[in-house]
N, C-alpha and C. Protein backbone atom coordinates (compact mmCIF):
# COMPACT_ATOMS: atom_id res chain seq x y z
N GLN A 1 -50.81 -8.18 -96.28
CA GLN A 1 -52.06 -7.86 -95.82
C GLN A 1 -52.60 -6.50 -96.22
N GLY A 2 -53.55 -6.44 -97.03
CA GLY A 2 -53.79 -5.19 -97.45
C GLY A 2 -54.93 -4.60 -96.54
N GLN A 3 -55.65 -3.36 -97.25
CA GLN A 3 -56.56 -2.71 -96.50
C GLN A 3 -57.67 -2.31 -97.27
N TRP A 4 -58.87 -2.01 -96.73
CA TRP A 4 -59.97 -1.41 -97.44
C TRP A 4 -59.63 0.20 -97.45
N VAL A 5 -59.87 0.79 -98.53
CA VAL A 5 -59.73 1.99 -98.94
C VAL A 5 -61.02 2.73 -99.59
N GLU A 6 -61.21 4.10 -98.65
CA GLU A 6 -62.90 4.49 -99.19
C GLU A 6 -62.16 5.92 -99.77
N SER A 7 -63.18 6.34 -100.68
CA SER A 7 -62.87 7.66 -101.34
C SER A 7 -64.24 8.18 -101.79
N GLY A 8 -63.99 9.57 -102.30
CA GLY A 8 -65.35 10.15 -102.85
C GLY A 8 -66.17 11.01 -101.73
N GLY A 9 -65.93 11.04 -100.61
CA GLY A 9 -66.47 12.02 -99.78
C GLY A 9 -66.22 13.42 -99.91
N GLY A 10 -67.22 14.23 -99.12
CA GLY A 10 -66.98 15.62 -99.44
C GLY A 10 -68.07 16.37 -98.70
N LEU A 11 -68.32 17.82 -99.15
CA LEU A 11 -69.21 18.65 -98.40
C LEU A 11 -70.26 18.80 -99.85
N VAL A 12 -71.44 18.58 -99.37
CA VAL A 12 -72.59 18.60 -100.56
C VAL A 12 -73.97 19.46 -99.94
N GLN A 13 -74.43 19.96 -100.75
CA GLN A 13 -75.87 20.65 -100.01
C GLN A 13 -76.74 19.55 -100.24
N PRO A 14 -77.77 19.90 -99.32
CA PRO A 14 -79.12 18.87 -99.26
C PRO A 14 -79.86 18.65 -100.58
N GLY A 15 -79.93 17.38 -100.98
CA GLY A 15 -80.67 17.39 -102.33
C GLY A 15 -79.63 16.65 -103.43
N GLY A 16 -78.25 17.23 -103.09
CA GLY A 16 -77.21 16.78 -103.82
C GLY A 16 -76.78 15.09 -103.83
N SER A 17 -75.82 14.90 -104.87
CA SER A 17 -75.22 13.34 -105.04
C SER A 17 -73.91 13.35 -104.74
N LEU A 18 -73.40 12.29 -104.26
CA LEU A 18 -72.09 11.78 -104.11
C LEU A 18 -72.06 10.38 -104.72
N ARG A 19 -70.78 10.22 -105.18
CA ARG A 19 -70.39 8.68 -105.64
C ARG A 19 -69.02 8.39 -104.69
N LEU A 20 -69.55 7.34 -103.68
CA LEU A 20 -68.25 6.86 -103.01
C LEU A 20 -67.71 5.76 -103.76
N SER A 21 -66.41 5.47 -103.55
CA SER A 21 -65.52 4.31 -103.98
C SER A 21 -64.86 3.59 -103.03
N CYS A 22 -64.96 2.41 -103.48
CA CYS A 22 -64.13 1.64 -102.18
C CYS A 22 -63.25 0.24 -103.13
N THR A 23 -62.14 0.31 -102.56
CA THR A 23 -61.33 -0.70 -103.04
C THR A 23 -60.50 -1.46 -102.20
N HIS A 24 -59.74 -2.69 -102.62
CA HIS A 24 -59.00 -3.49 -101.44
C HIS A 24 -57.73 -3.22 -102.00
N SER A 25 -56.56 -2.89 -101.28
CA SER A 25 -55.20 -2.65 -101.73
C SER A 25 -54.74 -4.10 -102.27
N SER A 26 -54.96 -5.14 -101.90
CA SER A 26 -54.40 -6.56 -102.34
C SER A 26 -55.53 -7.67 -102.73
N GLU A 27 -56.47 -7.38 -102.63
CA GLU A 27 -57.64 -8.49 -102.58
C GLU A 27 -58.41 -8.18 -103.91
N ASP A 28 -58.86 -9.16 -104.61
CA ASP A 28 -59.62 -9.09 -105.90
C ASP A 28 -61.05 -9.18 -105.35
N ILE A 29 -61.77 -8.01 -105.49
CA ILE A 29 -62.96 -7.90 -104.80
C ILE A 29 -64.02 -8.87 -105.48
N ALA A 30 -63.82 -9.32 -106.90
CA ALA A 30 -64.85 -10.23 -107.44
C ALA A 30 -64.71 -11.57 -106.52
N ARG A 31 -63.43 -11.82 -105.66
CA ARG A 31 -63.62 -12.96 -105.06
C ARG A 31 -64.18 -13.24 -103.63
N ILE A 32 -64.56 -11.81 -103.47
CA ILE A 32 -64.85 -11.61 -101.86
C ILE A 32 -66.40 -11.78 -101.63
N PRO A 33 -66.93 -12.72 -100.93
CA PRO A 33 -68.44 -13.12 -100.84
C PRO A 33 -69.23 -11.94 -100.96
N ALA A 34 -68.92 -10.79 -100.11
CA ALA A 34 -69.68 -9.52 -100.28
C ALA A 34 -68.97 -8.52 -99.81
N VAL A 35 -69.45 -7.24 -100.01
CA VAL A 35 -68.65 -6.04 -99.65
C VAL A 35 -69.84 -5.28 -99.08
N ALA A 36 -69.79 -4.63 -97.89
CA ALA A 36 -70.67 -3.88 -97.35
C ALA A 36 -70.11 -2.38 -96.97
N TRP A 37 -71.12 -1.68 -97.24
CA TRP A 37 -71.06 0.11 -96.86
C TRP A 37 -71.51 0.16 -95.46
N TYR A 38 -70.78 0.76 -94.78
CA TYR A 38 -71.49 1.28 -93.18
C TYR A 38 -71.21 2.66 -93.16
N ARG A 39 -71.64 3.26 -92.06
CA ARG A 39 -71.97 4.76 -91.85
C ARG A 39 -71.66 4.93 -90.29
N GLN A 40 -71.34 5.85 -89.95
CA GLN A 40 -71.05 6.27 -88.54
C GLN A 40 -71.49 7.84 -88.23
N GLY A 41 -72.51 8.32 -87.94
CA GLY A 41 -72.87 9.70 -87.98
C GLY A 41 -72.13 10.27 -86.54
N PRO A 42 -72.28 11.60 -86.33
CA PRO A 42 -71.60 12.11 -85.18
C PRO A 42 -72.66 11.52 -84.03
N GLY A 43 -71.95 11.04 -83.20
CA GLY A 43 -72.44 10.76 -81.88
C GLY A 43 -73.33 9.37 -81.96
N GLN A 44 -73.07 8.85 -83.16
CA GLN A 44 -74.04 7.51 -83.20
C GLN A 44 -73.25 6.40 -83.42
N GLN A 45 -73.81 5.13 -83.27
CA GLN A 45 -73.22 3.65 -83.52
C GLN A 45 -73.27 3.81 -85.15
N ARG A 46 -72.04 3.15 -85.56
CA ARG A 46 -71.79 2.61 -86.78
C ARG A 46 -73.06 1.62 -87.32
N GLU A 47 -73.68 1.84 -88.59
CA GLU A 47 -74.54 1.00 -89.03
C GLU A 47 -74.33 0.78 -90.43
N LEU A 48 -75.12 -0.73 -90.56
CA LEU A 48 -75.06 -1.02 -92.00
C LEU A 48 -75.66 -0.46 -92.99
N VAL A 49 -75.40 0.04 -94.06
CA VAL A 49 -76.13 0.66 -94.90
C VAL A 49 -76.61 -0.25 -96.21
N GLY A 50 -75.65 -0.80 -96.71
CA GLY A 50 -76.11 -1.82 -97.74
C GLY A 50 -75.01 -2.96 -98.24
N ALA A 51 -75.02 -3.58 -99.09
CA ALA A 51 -74.11 -4.55 -99.29
C ALA A 51 -74.14 -5.09 -100.91
N ILE A 52 -73.12 -5.52 -101.53
CA ILE A 52 -73.45 -6.29 -102.46
C ILE A 52 -72.46 -7.66 -102.69
N THR A 53 -73.27 -8.82 -103.19
CA THR A 53 -72.34 -9.96 -103.28
C THR A 53 -71.56 -10.22 -104.15
N ASP A 54 -70.82 -11.46 -104.37
CA ASP A 54 -70.23 -11.70 -105.29
C ASP A 54 -70.93 -12.24 -106.54
N THR A 55 -71.99 -12.27 -106.74
CA THR A 55 -72.93 -12.41 -107.84
C THR A 55 -73.74 -11.48 -108.03
N GLY A 56 -73.25 -9.99 -107.37
CA GLY A 56 -73.90 -8.85 -107.93
C GLY A 56 -75.34 -8.66 -107.35
N VAL A 57 -75.55 -9.33 -106.42
CA VAL A 57 -77.15 -9.10 -105.62
C VAL A 57 -76.80 -8.14 -104.56
N THR A 58 -77.69 -6.95 -104.46
CA THR A 58 -77.56 -5.97 -103.57
C THR A 58 -78.82 -5.98 -102.23
N ARG A 59 -78.13 -5.40 -101.32
CA ARG A 59 -79.25 -5.51 -100.31
C ARG A 59 -79.06 -4.37 -99.34
N TYR A 60 -80.08 -3.87 -98.93
CA TYR A 60 -80.05 -2.39 -98.09
C TYR A 60 -80.86 -2.38 -96.99
N THR A 61 -80.09 -1.90 -95.93
CA THR A 61 -80.92 -2.49 -94.60
C THR A 61 -81.55 -1.30 -93.92
N LEU A 62 -81.18 -0.26 -94.52
CA LEU A 62 -82.06 1.31 -93.88
C LEU A 62 -82.94 1.62 -94.86
N ASP A 63 -84.08 1.61 -94.07
CA ASP A 63 -85.09 2.33 -94.88
C ASP A 63 -85.17 3.43 -95.42
N ASP A 64 -84.43 4.43 -94.83
CA ASP A 64 -84.27 5.50 -95.29
C ASP A 64 -83.14 5.93 -96.51
N VAL A 65 -82.69 4.85 -96.95
CA VAL A 65 -81.88 5.17 -98.13
C VAL A 65 -81.93 4.37 -99.41
N LYS A 66 -83.46 3.47 -99.02
CA LYS A 66 -83.89 2.55 -100.14
C LYS A 66 -84.25 3.62 -101.00
N GLY A 67 -83.82 3.63 -102.47
CA GLY A 67 -84.57 4.39 -103.31
C GLY A 67 -83.75 5.36 -103.72
N ARG A 68 -82.77 5.87 -102.55
CA ARG A 68 -81.89 6.98 -102.88
C ARG A 68 -80.35 6.54 -103.01
N PHE A 69 -79.61 5.48 -102.43
CA PHE A 69 -78.63 4.69 -102.45
C PHE A 69 -78.58 3.55 -103.36
N THR A 70 -77.53 3.77 -104.12
CA THR A 70 -77.17 2.47 -104.81
C THR A 70 -75.76 1.87 -104.61
N VAL A 71 -75.87 0.61 -104.52
CA VAL A 71 -74.39 -0.11 -104.43
C VAL A 71 -74.32 -0.80 -105.82
N SER A 72 -73.06 -0.69 -106.20
CA SER A 72 -72.71 -1.44 -107.42
C SER A 72 -71.12 -1.88 -107.64
N ARG A 73 -70.66 -2.42 -108.26
CA ARG A 73 -69.30 -2.79 -108.48
C ARG A 73 -68.89 -2.81 -110.06
N ASP A 74 -67.49 -2.68 -110.12
CA ASP A 74 -66.89 -2.66 -111.25
C ASP A 74 -65.49 -3.77 -111.21
N THR A 75 -65.99 -4.74 -111.57
CA THR A 75 -64.53 -5.81 -111.12
C THR A 75 -63.48 -5.46 -112.01
N ALA A 76 -63.49 -4.63 -112.99
CA ALA A 76 -62.22 -4.62 -113.80
C ALA A 76 -61.72 -3.57 -113.16
N LYS A 77 -62.29 -2.72 -112.47
CA LYS A 77 -61.51 -1.38 -111.65
C LYS A 77 -61.33 -2.03 -110.14
N ASN A 78 -61.78 -3.21 -109.81
CA ASN A 78 -61.64 -3.70 -108.45
C ASN A 78 -62.17 -2.66 -107.47
N THR A 79 -63.40 -2.10 -107.94
CA THR A 79 -64.08 -1.09 -107.03
C THR A 79 -65.40 -1.36 -106.91
N VAL A 80 -65.91 -1.01 -105.61
CA VAL A 80 -67.35 -1.09 -105.14
C VAL A 80 -67.71 0.41 -105.05
N TYR A 81 -69.07 0.50 -105.85
CA TYR A 81 -69.42 2.17 -105.37
C TYR A 81 -70.65 2.09 -104.50
N LEU A 82 -70.83 3.44 -103.95
CA LEU A 82 -72.06 3.84 -103.22
C LEU A 82 -72.63 5.10 -103.65
N GLN A 83 -73.53 5.03 -104.78
CA GLN A 83 -74.08 6.26 -105.35
C GLN A 83 -75.11 6.73 -104.27
N MET A 84 -75.02 8.09 -103.98
CA MET A 84 -75.91 8.74 -102.94
C MET A 84 -76.63 9.90 -103.72
N ASN A 85 -78.02 9.60 -103.78
CA ASN A 85 -78.54 10.81 -104.45
C ASN A 85 -79.90 11.28 -103.35
N GLY A 86 -80.16 12.39 -103.64
CA GLY A 86 -81.13 12.99 -102.70
C GLY A 86 -80.43 13.13 -101.23
N LEU A 87 -79.27 13.58 -101.21
CA LEU A 87 -78.70 13.41 -99.85
C LEU A 87 -79.42 14.44 -98.84
N ARG A 88 -79.53 14.10 -97.53
CA ARG A 88 -80.11 14.74 -96.45
C ARG A 88 -79.27 15.01 -95.54
N ARG A 89 -79.37 16.06 -94.37
CA ARG A 89 -78.58 16.17 -93.61
C ARG A 89 -78.14 15.25 -92.66
N GLU A 90 -79.26 14.30 -92.43
CA GLU A 90 -78.83 13.03 -91.47
C GLU A 90 -78.26 12.12 -92.18
N ASP A 91 -77.80 11.93 -93.44
CA ASP A 91 -76.77 11.23 -93.97
C ASP A 91 -75.22 11.85 -93.78
N THR A 92 -75.03 12.95 -93.05
CA THR A 92 -73.61 13.31 -92.72
C THR A 92 -73.17 12.08 -91.89
N ALA A 93 -71.90 11.58 -92.27
CA ALA A 93 -71.27 10.46 -91.50
C ALA A 93 -70.16 10.05 -92.06
N VAL A 94 -69.12 9.37 -91.45
CA VAL A 94 -67.93 8.64 -92.16
C VAL A 94 -68.52 7.24 -92.68
N TYR A 95 -68.35 7.37 -94.01
CA TYR A 95 -68.62 6.22 -94.45
C TYR A 95 -67.61 5.00 -94.57
N TYR A 96 -67.95 3.77 -94.56
CA TYR A 96 -66.72 2.70 -94.71
C TYR A 96 -67.29 1.50 -95.65
N CYS A 97 -66.17 0.76 -95.99
CA CYS A 97 -66.60 -0.30 -96.92
C CYS A 97 -65.80 -1.49 -96.47
N LYS A 98 -66.40 -2.56 -96.24
CA LYS A 98 -65.36 -3.84 -96.12
C LYS A 98 -66.23 -4.95 -96.26
N TYR A 99 -65.28 -6.06 -96.37
CA TYR A 99 -66.05 -7.54 -96.04
C TYR A 99 -66.19 -7.67 -94.78
N PRO A 100 -67.48 -7.99 -94.13
CA PRO A 100 -67.72 -8.03 -92.72
C PRO A 100 -66.81 -8.55 -91.86
N ALA A 101 -66.00 -9.36 -92.00
CA ALA A 101 -65.11 -9.86 -91.05
C ALA A 101 -63.84 -9.40 -91.07
N ASP A 102 -63.44 -8.10 -91.94
CA ASP A 102 -62.35 -7.50 -92.16
C ASP A 102 -62.10 -6.27 -91.15
N THR A 103 -61.04 -5.95 -90.96
CA THR A 103 -60.77 -4.48 -90.29
C THR A 103 -61.19 -3.37 -90.87
N TRP A 104 -61.47 -2.42 -89.96
CA TRP A 104 -61.90 -1.15 -90.63
C TRP A 104 -60.85 -0.48 -91.47
N GLY A 105 -61.15 0.31 -92.51
CA GLY A 105 -60.35 1.25 -93.26
C GLY A 105 -60.54 2.77 -92.43
N GLN A 106 -60.08 3.74 -92.97
CA GLN A 106 -59.94 5.02 -92.75
C GLN A 106 -61.55 5.63 -92.79
N GLY A 107 -62.23 5.15 -93.86
CA GLY A 107 -63.28 5.91 -94.15
C GLY A 107 -63.29 6.97 -94.80
N THR A 108 -64.67 7.49 -95.38
CA THR A 108 -64.32 8.79 -96.13
C THR A 108 -65.82 9.67 -95.58
N GLN A 109 -65.20 10.82 -95.19
CA GLN A 109 -66.22 11.74 -94.79
C GLN A 109 -67.30 12.47 -95.75
N VAL A 110 -68.64 12.09 -95.13
CA VAL A 110 -69.63 12.87 -96.22
C VAL A 110 -70.45 13.83 -95.36
N THR A 111 -70.22 15.17 -95.84
CA THR A 111 -71.13 16.22 -95.02
C THR A 111 -72.27 16.70 -95.98
N VAL A 112 -73.46 16.72 -95.40
CA VAL A 112 -74.47 17.26 -96.16
C VAL A 112 -74.81 18.57 -95.44
N SER A 113 -74.60 19.74 -95.86
CA SER A 113 -74.84 20.84 -95.50
C SER A 113 -75.25 22.08 -96.29
N SER A 114 -75.76 22.91 -95.91
CA SER A 114 -76.17 24.23 -96.78
C SER A 114 -75.34 25.32 -96.39
């Protein structure tokens, strides 16, 4: 039984960009019905950011990321991405990815600060 692994987080200035990566250690992402990105900011509940289905359809649940964040995937690399542009301080959070029914991975920390 594998696990979800996120990477690509870091410290970025407001207005900057980051691309997060997500893979599964033992599953073929192309066969998974949907992979979702979540985030949990300091003192906040975890929230769903967006997702991509096995047919490549994307959906975003947070109005304030629409137009700034993009979910995509590269099945050859078994990786799902979260491209984040125009980052704001309120985007500071630990970001996670997974199939909704799976257990949580370690996440990757994104800090937006000057």
